[in-house]
Amino acid sequence: VGGGPTGLVLALALLRSRIDVRLIERSSVPHEGIRGTAITPRTLELLSLLQAADNVLAVATPPLLMAIYG
């Protein structure tokens, strides 16, 4: 499976079912910049089902605060 978010979740699900996986990433360098700025409720639900939510939340950064001016 690939090394992106979908591939990593698939790998985790397969490993939980005791199926060996191999991660293959097309790019030789990590992606720079922000890809996702928040963990959605559905993502958190999926991570909980995979028993990974606590680990992800432990290393996640809090959302950026913003102000809106009229």
Protein backbone atom coordinates (compact mmCIF):
# COMPACT_ATOMS: atom_id res chain seq x y z
CA VAL A 1 0.00 0.00 0.00
CA GLY A 2 1.09 3.60 -0.48
CA GLY A 3 2.48 5.82 2.25
CA GLY A 4 -0.29 8.44 2.13
CA PRO A 5 -3.13 8.74 4.64
CA THR A 6 -5.37 6.18 2.94
CA GLY A 7 -2.57 3.66 2.47
CA LEU A 8 -1.42 4.01 6.07
CA VAL A 9 -4.94 3.43 7.41
CA LEU A 10 -5.29 0.40 5.14
CA ALA A 11 -1.94 -0.92 6.37
CA LEU A 12 -3.03 -0.48 9.97
CA ALA A 13 -6.32 -2.28 9.34
CA LEU A 14 -4.51 -5.16 7.62
CA LEU A 15 -1.96 -5.44 10.42
CA ARG A 16 -4.77 -5.58 12.98
CA SER A 17 -6.05 -8.60 11.03
CA ARG A 18 -2.57 -10.16 11.16
CA ILE A 19 -1.96 -9.64 7.44
CA ASP A 20 1.58 -8.62 6.50
CA VAL A 21 1.90 -5.36 4.58
CA ARG A 22 4.55 -3.52 2.62
CA LEU A 23 4.49 0.25 2.34
CA ILE A 24 5.67 1.60 -1.00
CA GLU A 25 5.82 5.36 -1.45
CA ARG A 26 6.27 6.82 -4.92
CA SER A 27 8.02 9.98 -3.74
CA SER A 28 11.57 9.77 -2.38
CA VAL A 29 11.12 12.88 -0.21
CA PRO A 30 8.43 13.73 2.35
CA HIS A 31 5.63 16.09 1.32
CA GLU A 32 6.20 19.64 2.50
CA GLY A 33 3.41 21.79 3.85
CA ILE A 34 0.06 21.20 5.46
CA ARG A 35 -2.24 18.51 4.11
CA GLY A 36 -4.91 18.34 6.78
CA THR A 37 -5.56 21.03 9.32
CA ALA A 38 -7.96 19.19 11.60
CA ILE A 39 -9.13 15.73 12.63
CA THR A 40 -12.77 15.38 11.64
CA PRO A 41 -15.23 13.45 13.79
CA ARG A 42 -15.44 10.68 11.16
CA THR A 43 -11.64 10.38 11.05
CA LEU A 44 -11.53 10.19 14.84
CA GLU A 45 -14.21 7.48 14.75
CA LEU A 46 -12.17 5.45 12.26
CA LEU A 47 -8.98 5.91 14.28
CA SER A 48 -10.86 4.74 17.38
CA LEU A 49 -12.03 1.60 15.58
CA LEU A 50 -8.40 0.93 14.63
CA GLN A 51 -7.34 1.60 18.24
CA ALA A 52 -5.06 4.40 17.06
CA ALA A 53 -6.92 7.54 18.17
CA ASP A 54 -4.99 8.02 21.43
CA ASN A 55 -1.63 7.69 19.66
CA VAL A 56 -2.60 10.17 16.94
CA LEU A 57 -4.03 12.70 19.39
CA ALA A 58 -0.89 12.45 21.52
CA VAL A 59 1.26 13.82 18.69
CA ALA A 60 -1.30 16.04 16.95
CA THR A 61 -0.92 19.79 17.16
CA PRO A 62 -3.91 21.84 18.33
CA PRO A 63 -5.86 23.76 15.69
CA LEU A 64 -4.67 27.24 14.88
CA LEU A 65 -6.65 30.05 16.41
CA MET A 66 -8.05 32.64 14.07
CA ALA A 67 -9.85 35.92 14.30
CA ILE A 68 -12.39 37.29 11.84
CA TYR A 69 -12.66 41.03 11.46
CA GLY A 70 -15.63 42.68 9.81
